[in-house]
């Protein structure tokens, strides 16, 4: 757990580099902060085309959103989050659980993704997927092939 794969040539472009160039750590940290997730205690470094996150976040959803937010960046193929911990109220920070992530394919929409992840007839749960990926998703129709989305457990919603 802790190493997540992304499609290197899909995602938001940060900086002035080309499609194969990984963004610099400062640009990634700025992008992560722009989502206002509560990642002030998260450090970001870049090793080749891998983003390394370390520090502490307040809960599992922030952990997952942080991974997805930086992973969906042009030039990033992996996010290493082994040293990113989840703060438990009143105790020491703990390792995060492995999130369920889904890579968008051509022709996908949130309804189809909900049915594929939750079962036939559960397409209406697409709003749970949209909400789980806010603020990185601004509109349910603005997903693209190669983008990675977090899929919440239905018991969370």
N, C-alpha and C. Protein backbone atom coordinates (compact mmCIF):
# COMPACT_ATOMS: atom_id res chain seq x y z
N UNK A 1 0.85 -1.17 0.00
CA UNK A 1 0.00 0.00 0.00
C UNK A 1 0.89 1.23 0.00
N UNK A 2 0.47 2.23 -0.68
CA UNK A 2 1.21 3.47 -0.65
C UNK A 2 1.73 3.92 -1.98
N UNK A 3 1.79 3.04 -3.00
CA UNK A 3 2.24 3.42 -4.32
C UNK A 3 1.06 3.28 -5.28
N UNK A 4 0.68 4.39 -5.90
CA UNK A 4 -0.48 4.43 -6.78
C UNK A 4 -0.04 4.81 -8.18
N UNK A 5 -0.60 4.14 -9.18
CA UNK A 5 -0.23 4.38 -10.57
C UNK A 5 -1.24 5.27 -11.27
N UNK A 6 -0.73 6.11 -12.15
CA UNK A 6 -1.55 7.04 -12.92
C UNK A 6 -1.06 7.01 -14.37
N UNK A 7 -1.84 7.57 -15.25
CA UNK A 7 -1.45 7.66 -16.65
C UNK A 7 -0.66 8.95 -16.84
N UNK A 8 0.59 8.80 -17.22
CA UNK A 8 1.52 9.93 -17.28
C UNK A 8 1.09 11.03 -18.25
N UNK A 9 0.49 10.66 -19.37
CA UNK A 9 0.14 11.69 -20.36
C UNK A 9 -1.32 12.11 -20.28
N UNK A 10 -1.95 11.95 -19.12
CA UNK A 10 -3.31 12.43 -18.89
C UNK A 10 -3.32 13.25 -17.62
N UNK A 11 -4.03 14.35 -17.63
CA UNK A 11 -4.16 15.14 -16.42
C UNK A 11 -3.95 16.61 -16.66
N UNK A 12 -4.00 17.34 -15.58
CA UNK A 12 -3.86 18.79 -15.62
C UNK A 12 -2.39 19.16 -15.78
N UNK A 13 -2.11 20.07 -16.68
CA UNK A 13 -0.75 20.52 -16.91
C UNK A 13 -0.39 21.61 -15.90
N UNK A 14 0.73 21.41 -15.22
CA UNK A 14 1.25 22.41 -14.29
C UNK A 14 2.59 22.87 -14.84
N UNK A 15 2.84 24.15 -14.83
CA UNK A 15 4.13 24.65 -15.28
C UNK A 15 4.22 24.71 -16.79
N UNK A 16 5.47 24.83 -17.28
CA UNK A 16 5.68 25.05 -18.71
C UNK A 16 6.30 23.85 -19.41
N UNK A 17 6.53 22.76 -18.72
CA UNK A 17 7.17 21.59 -19.32
C UNK A 17 6.28 20.90 -20.33
N UNK A 18 6.85 19.92 -20.99
CA UNK A 18 6.11 19.15 -21.97
C UNK A 18 5.33 18.03 -21.32
N UNK A 19 4.67 17.23 -22.15
CA UNK A 19 3.82 16.14 -21.69
C UNK A 19 4.60 15.10 -20.89
N UNK A 20 5.85 14.88 -21.23
CA UNK A 20 6.66 13.88 -20.54
C UNK A 20 7.41 14.44 -19.34
N UNK A 21 7.37 15.76 -19.16
CA UNK A 21 8.07 16.39 -18.05
C UNK A 21 7.22 16.37 -16.79
N UNK A 22 7.79 15.88 -15.70
CA UNK A 22 7.10 15.92 -14.42
C UNK A 22 7.11 17.36 -13.90
N UNK A 23 6.04 17.78 -13.25
CA UNK A 23 6.01 19.14 -12.68
C UNK A 23 6.98 19.24 -11.50
N UNK A 24 7.34 20.46 -11.12
CA UNK A 24 8.21 20.59 -9.96
C UNK A 24 7.38 20.53 -8.67
N UNK A 25 8.05 20.23 -7.58
CA UNK A 25 7.38 20.02 -6.30
C UNK A 25 6.57 21.23 -5.86
N UNK A 26 7.10 22.41 -6.10
CA UNK A 26 6.40 23.63 -5.70
C UNK A 26 5.08 23.79 -6.44
N UNK A 27 5.06 23.49 -7.74
CA UNK A 27 3.83 23.58 -8.53
C UNK A 27 2.80 22.55 -8.05
N UNK A 28 3.27 21.35 -7.70
CA UNK A 28 2.37 20.31 -7.21
C UNK A 28 1.79 20.72 -5.86
N UNK A 29 2.62 21.24 -4.97
CA UNK A 29 2.15 21.67 -3.65
C UNK A 29 1.12 22.79 -3.79
N UNK A 30 1.37 23.71 -4.71
CA UNK A 30 0.43 24.82 -4.96
C UNK A 30 -0.90 24.28 -5.47
N UNK A 31 -0.85 23.31 -6.41
CA UNK A 31 -2.07 22.70 -6.94
C UNK A 31 -2.83 21.98 -5.83
N UNK A 32 -2.13 21.22 -5.00
CA UNK A 32 -2.76 20.51 -3.90
C UNK A 32 -3.42 21.49 -2.93
N UNK A 33 -2.73 22.56 -2.61
CA UNK A 33 -3.28 23.57 -1.70
C UNK A 33 -4.50 24.27 -2.28
N UNK A 34 -4.54 24.41 -3.61
CA UNK A 34 -5.65 25.12 -4.25
C UNK A 34 -6.99 24.42 -4.04
N UNK A 35 -6.97 23.12 -3.72
CA UNK A 35 -8.21 22.37 -3.51
C UNK A 35 -8.75 22.54 -2.09
N UNK A 36 -7.98 23.19 -1.23
CA UNK A 36 -8.41 23.47 0.15
C UNK A 36 -8.92 22.20 0.86
N UNK A 37 -8.11 21.16 0.82
CA UNK A 37 -8.49 19.88 1.41
C UNK A 37 -8.06 19.74 2.87
N UNK A 38 -7.19 20.64 3.32
CA UNK A 38 -6.62 20.49 4.65
C UNK A 38 -5.30 19.74 4.59
N UNK A 39 -4.48 20.09 3.61
CA UNK A 39 -3.20 19.40 3.40
C UNK A 39 -2.01 20.29 3.78
N UNK A 40 -2.22 21.18 4.73
CA UNK A 40 -1.16 22.09 5.14
C UNK A 40 0.05 21.35 5.71
N UNK A 41 -0.17 20.18 6.31
CA UNK A 41 0.91 19.42 6.93
C UNK A 41 1.45 18.32 6.00
N UNK A 42 1.24 18.50 4.70
CA UNK A 42 1.70 17.53 3.71
C UNK A 42 2.90 18.11 2.97
N UNK A 43 3.97 17.33 2.90
CA UNK A 43 5.16 17.71 2.13
C UNK A 43 5.11 16.99 0.79
N UNK A 44 5.59 17.69 -0.24
CA UNK A 44 5.57 17.16 -1.60
C UNK A 44 6.99 17.17 -2.16
N UNK A 45 7.40 16.06 -2.73
CA UNK A 45 8.66 16.03 -3.47
C UNK A 45 8.42 15.27 -4.77
N UNK A 46 9.32 15.51 -5.73
CA UNK A 46 9.20 14.87 -7.03
C UNK A 46 10.48 14.10 -7.31
N UNK A 47 10.33 12.83 -7.67
CA UNK A 47 11.46 11.98 -8.06
C UNK A 47 11.12 11.44 -9.44
N UNK A 48 11.80 11.99 -10.47
CA UNK A 48 11.50 11.64 -11.86
C UNK A 48 10.03 11.96 -12.14
N UNK A 49 9.21 10.95 -12.45
CA UNK A 49 7.79 11.21 -12.72
C UNK A 49 6.90 10.70 -11.58
N UNK A 50 7.49 10.58 -10.39
CA UNK A 50 6.76 10.12 -9.21
C UNK A 50 6.65 11.26 -8.19
N UNK A 51 5.45 11.46 -7.67
CA UNK A 51 5.21 12.43 -6.60
C UNK A 51 5.27 11.67 -5.28
N UNK A 52 6.02 12.20 -4.32
CA UNK A 52 6.12 11.59 -3.00
C UNK A 52 5.44 12.52 -2.00
N UNK A 53 4.41 11.98 -1.32
CA UNK A 53 3.68 12.73 -0.30
C UNK A 53 4.05 12.20 1.08
N UNK A 54 4.27 13.11 2.01
CA UNK A 54 4.53 12.71 3.39
C UNK A 54 3.89 13.73 4.30
N UNK A 55 3.69 13.34 5.55
CA UNK A 55 3.06 14.23 6.51
C UNK A 55 1.81 13.61 7.08
N UNK A 56 0.87 14.48 7.49
CA UNK A 56 -0.35 14.02 8.16
C UNK A 56 -1.56 14.75 7.59
N UNK A 57 -2.64 13.98 7.38
CA UNK A 57 -3.93 14.55 6.98
C UNK A 57 -4.96 14.15 8.02
N UNK A 58 -6.10 14.85 8.04
CA UNK A 58 -7.06 14.64 9.13
C UNK A 58 -7.89 13.38 9.01
N UNK A 59 -8.14 12.88 7.79
CA UNK A 59 -8.93 11.66 7.67
C UNK A 59 -8.66 10.94 6.35
N UNK A 60 -9.25 9.77 6.22
CA UNK A 60 -9.03 8.92 5.05
C UNK A 60 -9.46 9.60 3.75
N UNK A 61 -10.56 10.35 3.77
CA UNK A 61 -11.03 10.99 2.54
C UNK A 61 -10.03 12.04 2.06
N UNK A 62 -9.41 12.77 2.97
CA UNK A 62 -8.40 13.76 2.57
C UNK A 62 -7.17 13.05 2.01
N UNK A 63 -6.78 11.94 2.62
CA UNK A 63 -5.68 11.13 2.09
C UNK A 63 -5.95 10.76 0.64
N UNK A 64 -7.13 10.19 0.38
CA UNK A 64 -7.47 9.74 -0.96
C UNK A 64 -7.55 10.90 -1.95
N UNK A 65 -8.17 11.99 -1.52
CA UNK A 65 -8.29 13.16 -2.41
C UNK A 65 -6.92 13.75 -2.73
N UNK A 66 -6.02 13.76 -1.76
CA UNK A 66 -4.67 14.28 -2.00
C UNK A 66 -3.95 13.43 -3.04
N UNK A 67 -4.05 12.12 -2.93
CA UNK A 67 -3.41 11.21 -3.89
C UNK A 67 -3.97 11.45 -5.28
N UNK A 68 -5.29 11.52 -5.39
CA UNK A 68 -5.94 11.72 -6.69
C UNK A 68 -5.62 13.10 -7.26
N UNK A 69 -5.62 14.12 -6.41
CA UNK A 69 -5.37 15.48 -6.88
C UNK A 69 -3.99 15.62 -7.51
N UNK A 70 -2.97 15.05 -6.89
CA UNK A 70 -1.62 15.18 -7.46
C UNK A 70 -1.36 14.15 -8.55
N UNK A 71 -2.01 12.99 -8.47
CA UNK A 71 -1.81 11.96 -9.47
C UNK A 71 -2.40 12.31 -10.83
N UNK A 72 -3.48 13.08 -10.82
CA UNK A 72 -4.11 13.51 -12.06
C UNK A 72 -3.43 14.77 -12.59
N UNK A 73 -2.12 14.72 -12.64
CA UNK A 73 -1.30 15.82 -13.15
C UNK A 73 -0.49 15.30 -14.32
N UNK A 74 -0.47 16.07 -15.40
CA UNK A 74 0.28 15.69 -16.59
C UNK A 74 1.75 15.47 -16.23
N UNK A 75 2.32 14.35 -16.65
CA UNK A 75 3.72 14.05 -16.39
C UNK A 75 3.95 13.20 -15.17
N UNK A 76 2.87 12.84 -14.44
CA UNK A 76 2.99 12.04 -13.22
C UNK A 76 2.50 10.62 -13.51
N UNK A 77 3.36 9.62 -13.22
CA UNK A 77 2.96 8.23 -13.44
C UNK A 77 2.69 7.49 -12.14
N UNK A 78 3.21 8.03 -11.01
CA UNK A 78 3.01 7.36 -9.73
C UNK A 78 2.93 8.39 -8.61
N UNK A 79 2.22 8.01 -7.55
CA UNK A 79 2.20 8.77 -6.31
C UNK A 79 2.56 7.81 -5.20
N UNK A 80 3.62 8.15 -4.47
CA UNK A 80 4.07 7.37 -3.31
C UNK A 80 3.54 8.06 -2.06
N UNK A 81 2.69 7.35 -1.30
CA UNK A 81 2.08 7.95 -0.12
C UNK A 81 2.29 7.10 1.13
N UNK A 82 3.35 6.31 1.15
CA UNK A 82 3.62 5.45 2.31
C UNK A 82 3.87 6.25 3.58
N UNK A 83 4.42 7.46 3.42
CA UNK A 83 4.72 8.30 4.57
C UNK A 83 3.66 9.37 4.83
N UNK A 84 2.50 9.23 4.18
CA UNK A 84 1.37 10.12 4.42
C UNK A 84 0.43 9.41 5.39
N UNK A 85 0.27 9.96 6.57
CA UNK A 85 -0.50 9.30 7.63
C UNK A 85 -1.84 10.00 7.83
N UNK A 86 -2.77 9.23 8.41
CA UNK A 86 -4.10 9.74 8.74
C UNK A 86 -4.15 9.98 10.24
N UNK A 87 -4.51 11.19 10.66
CA UNK A 87 -4.61 11.52 12.08
C UNK A 87 -5.88 10.91 12.66
N UNK A 88 -5.74 10.16 13.69
CA UNK A 88 -6.87 9.60 14.41
C UNK A 88 -7.11 10.51 15.61
N UNK A 89 -8.35 10.88 15.85
CA UNK A 89 -8.67 11.76 16.97
C UNK A 89 -8.17 11.17 18.27
N UNK A 90 -7.31 11.91 18.96
CA UNK A 90 -6.82 11.50 20.26
C UNK A 90 -5.75 10.43 20.25
N UNK A 91 -5.18 10.11 19.10
CA UNK A 91 -4.12 9.10 19.07
C UNK A 91 -3.06 9.47 18.03
N UNK A 92 -2.06 8.62 17.92
CA UNK A 92 -0.99 8.84 16.95
C UNK A 92 -1.52 8.67 15.53
N UNK A 93 -0.97 9.42 14.56
CA UNK A 93 -1.37 9.21 13.17
C UNK A 93 -1.12 7.76 12.75
N UNK A 94 -2.03 7.23 11.94
CA UNK A 94 -1.96 5.83 11.51
C UNK A 94 -1.82 5.74 9.99
N UNK A 95 -1.33 4.61 9.50
CA UNK A 95 -1.28 4.43 8.05
C UNK A 95 -2.70 4.46 7.47
N UNK A 96 -2.82 4.97 6.27
CA UNK A 96 -4.11 5.03 5.61
C UNK A 96 -4.50 3.67 5.05
N UNK A 97 -5.80 3.48 4.83
CA UNK A 97 -6.30 2.26 4.18
C UNK A 97 -6.13 2.42 2.68
N UNK A 98 -6.07 1.32 1.98
CA UNK A 98 -5.95 1.36 0.53
C UNK A 98 -7.27 1.81 -0.07
N UNK A 99 -7.26 2.92 -0.82
CA UNK A 99 -8.50 3.40 -1.41
C UNK A 99 -8.86 2.62 -2.67
N UNK A 100 -10.12 2.68 -3.05
CA UNK A 100 -10.56 2.11 -4.33
C UNK A 100 -10.48 3.25 -5.35
N UNK A 101 -9.66 3.04 -6.37
CA UNK A 101 -9.48 4.04 -7.42
C UNK A 101 -9.93 3.45 -8.74
N UNK A 102 -10.43 4.30 -9.63
CA UNK A 102 -10.93 3.86 -10.93
C UNK A 102 -10.35 4.78 -11.99
N UNK A 103 -9.79 4.20 -13.05
CA UNK A 103 -9.26 4.97 -14.17
C UNK A 103 -10.33 5.07 -15.24
N UNK A 104 -10.71 6.29 -15.58
CA UNK A 104 -11.76 6.56 -16.56
C UNK A 104 -11.32 6.07 -17.94
N UNK A 105 -12.24 5.37 -18.62
CA UNK A 105 -12.00 4.88 -19.98
C UNK A 105 -12.84 5.69 -20.97
N UNK A 106 -12.46 5.63 -22.23
CA UNK A 106 -13.22 6.31 -23.28
C UNK A 106 -14.66 5.80 -23.25
N UNK A 107 -15.62 6.71 -23.29
CA UNK A 107 -17.03 6.35 -23.28
C UNK A 107 -17.64 6.28 -21.89
N UNK A 108 -16.82 6.39 -20.84
CA UNK A 108 -17.34 6.35 -19.47
C UNK A 108 -18.08 7.63 -19.12
N UNK A 109 -19.03 7.49 -18.23
CA UNK A 109 -19.63 8.62 -17.54
C UNK A 109 -19.83 8.15 -16.10
N UNK A 110 -20.20 9.05 -15.22
CA UNK A 110 -20.29 8.67 -13.81
C UNK A 110 -21.36 7.61 -13.56
N UNK A 111 -22.45 7.62 -14.34
CA UNK A 111 -23.49 6.61 -14.20
C UNK A 111 -22.92 5.22 -14.49
N UNK A 112 -22.21 5.09 -15.63
CA UNK A 112 -21.62 3.80 -16.00
C UNK A 112 -20.59 3.34 -14.97
N UNK A 113 -19.81 4.29 -14.47
CA UNK A 113 -18.80 3.94 -13.47
C UNK A 113 -19.48 3.44 -12.20
N UNK A 114 -20.55 4.11 -11.77
CA UNK A 114 -21.28 3.69 -10.57
C UNK A 114 -21.82 2.27 -10.75
N UNK A 115 -22.39 1.97 -11.91
CA UNK A 115 -22.91 0.62 -12.14
C UNK A 115 -21.79 -0.42 -12.18
N UNK A 116 -20.64 -0.05 -12.73
CA UNK A 116 -19.55 -1.02 -12.78
C UNK A 116 -18.94 -1.26 -11.41
N UNK A 117 -18.96 -0.27 -10.55
CA UNK A 117 -18.34 -0.40 -9.23
C UNK A 117 -19.30 -0.88 -8.15
N UNK A 118 -20.58 -0.48 -8.25
CA UNK A 118 -21.54 -0.80 -7.20
C UNK A 118 -22.55 -1.88 -7.59
N UNK A 119 -22.65 -2.17 -8.90
CA UNK A 119 -23.57 -3.20 -9.37
C UNK A 119 -24.67 -2.63 -10.25
N UNK A 120 -25.22 -3.51 -11.07
CA UNK A 120 -26.29 -3.14 -12.00
C UNK A 120 -27.45 -2.53 -11.22
N UNK A 121 -27.99 -1.44 -11.75
CA UNK A 121 -29.12 -0.77 -11.11
C UNK A 121 -28.72 0.26 -10.07
N UNK A 122 -27.42 0.44 -9.89
CA UNK A 122 -26.96 1.41 -8.87
C UNK A 122 -26.31 2.63 -9.52
N UNK A 123 -26.67 2.91 -10.76
CA UNK A 123 -26.12 4.07 -11.46
C UNK A 123 -26.43 5.38 -10.78
N UNK A 124 -27.55 5.42 -10.07
CA UNK A 124 -27.94 6.65 -9.37
C UNK A 124 -26.95 7.02 -8.26
N UNK A 125 -26.10 6.07 -7.90
CA UNK A 125 -25.07 6.35 -6.88
C UNK A 125 -23.91 7.16 -7.48
N UNK A 126 -24.05 7.57 -8.74
CA UNK A 126 -23.01 8.37 -9.39
C UNK A 126 -22.74 9.66 -8.64
N UNK A 127 -23.74 10.18 -7.95
CA UNK A 127 -23.54 11.42 -7.19
C UNK A 127 -22.55 11.21 -6.04
N UNK A 128 -22.51 9.99 -5.50
CA UNK A 128 -21.54 9.69 -4.43
C UNK A 128 -20.12 9.77 -4.98
N UNK A 129 -19.92 9.28 -6.20
CA UNK A 129 -18.59 9.35 -6.82
C UNK A 129 -18.22 10.80 -7.11
N UNK A 130 -19.17 11.55 -7.64
CA UNK A 130 -18.91 12.97 -7.91
C UNK A 130 -18.54 13.70 -6.62
N UNK A 131 -19.34 13.52 -5.58
CA UNK A 131 -19.07 14.19 -4.29
C UNK A 131 -17.73 13.77 -3.70
N UNK A 132 -17.36 12.50 -3.88
CA UNK A 132 -16.10 11.99 -3.32
C UNK A 132 -14.89 12.58 -4.03
N UNK A 133 -15.10 13.14 -5.21
CA UNK A 133 -13.99 13.70 -5.98
C UNK A 133 -14.03 15.22 -6.07
N UNK A 134 -14.89 15.83 -5.28
CA UNK A 134 -14.89 17.29 -5.19
C UNK A 134 -13.76 17.72 -4.31
N UNK A 135 -13.14 18.80 -4.48
CA UNK A 135 -13.33 19.84 -5.48
C UNK A 135 -12.55 19.61 -6.77
N UNK A 136 -11.87 18.45 -6.91
CA UNK A 136 -11.10 18.22 -8.13
C UNK A 136 -12.02 18.13 -9.35
N UNK A 137 -13.24 17.60 -9.18
CA UNK A 137 -14.23 17.61 -10.25
C UNK A 137 -15.14 18.81 -10.04
N UNK A 138 -15.27 19.62 -11.08
CA UNK A 138 -16.13 20.79 -10.97
C UNK A 138 -17.53 20.53 -11.54
N UNK A 139 -17.66 19.50 -12.38
CA UNK A 139 -18.94 19.18 -13.02
C UNK A 139 -18.95 17.68 -13.33
N UNK A 140 -20.09 17.01 -13.14
CA UNK A 140 -20.13 15.56 -13.36
C UNK A 140 -19.83 15.14 -14.80
N UNK A 141 -20.02 16.02 -15.75
CA UNK A 141 -19.75 15.67 -17.15
C UNK A 141 -18.31 15.95 -17.56
N UNK A 142 -17.51 16.49 -16.68
CA UNK A 142 -16.13 16.86 -17.03
C UNK A 142 -15.13 15.85 -16.51
N UNK A 143 -15.30 14.60 -16.97
CA UNK A 143 -14.30 13.57 -16.69
C UNK A 143 -13.66 13.22 -18.03
N UNK A 144 -12.46 12.67 -18.00
CA UNK A 144 -11.75 12.38 -19.24
C UNK A 144 -11.00 11.06 -19.12
N UNK A 145 -10.80 10.38 -20.27
CA UNK A 145 -10.06 9.12 -20.24
C UNK A 145 -8.68 9.30 -19.61
N UNK A 146 -8.33 8.38 -18.75
CA UNK A 146 -7.04 8.43 -18.07
C UNK A 146 -7.12 9.07 -16.69
N UNK A 147 -8.17 9.82 -16.44
CA UNK A 147 -8.34 10.45 -15.13
C UNK A 147 -8.62 9.36 -14.10
N UNK A 148 -8.08 9.51 -12.91
CA UNK A 148 -8.31 8.54 -11.84
C UNK A 148 -9.26 9.17 -10.82
N UNK A 149 -10.31 8.42 -10.48
CA UNK A 149 -11.32 8.87 -9.52
C UNK A 149 -11.29 7.97 -8.31
N UNK A 150 -11.58 8.55 -7.15
CA UNK A 150 -11.73 7.72 -5.95
C UNK A 150 -13.17 7.25 -5.89
N UNK A 151 -13.35 5.99 -5.51
CA UNK A 151 -14.67 5.38 -5.44
C UNK A 151 -14.96 5.14 -3.95
N UNK A 152 -15.91 5.90 -3.38
CA UNK A 152 -16.19 5.72 -1.96
C UNK A 152 -16.97 4.44 -1.68
N UNK A 153 -16.77 3.91 -0.52
CA UNK A 153 -17.56 2.78 -0.07
C UNK A 153 -18.99 3.32 0.17
N UNK A 154 -20.00 2.58 -0.24
CA UNK A 154 -21.36 3.08 -0.08
C UNK A 154 -21.75 3.25 1.38
N UNK A 155 -21.05 2.60 2.28
CA UNK A 155 -21.35 2.80 3.71
C UNK A 155 -20.91 4.18 4.19
N UNK A 156 -20.03 4.84 3.41
CA UNK A 156 -19.55 6.18 3.77
C UNK A 156 -20.55 7.26 3.39
N UNK A 157 -21.44 6.96 2.44
CA UNK A 157 -22.34 8.00 1.89
C UNK A 157 -23.74 7.86 2.40
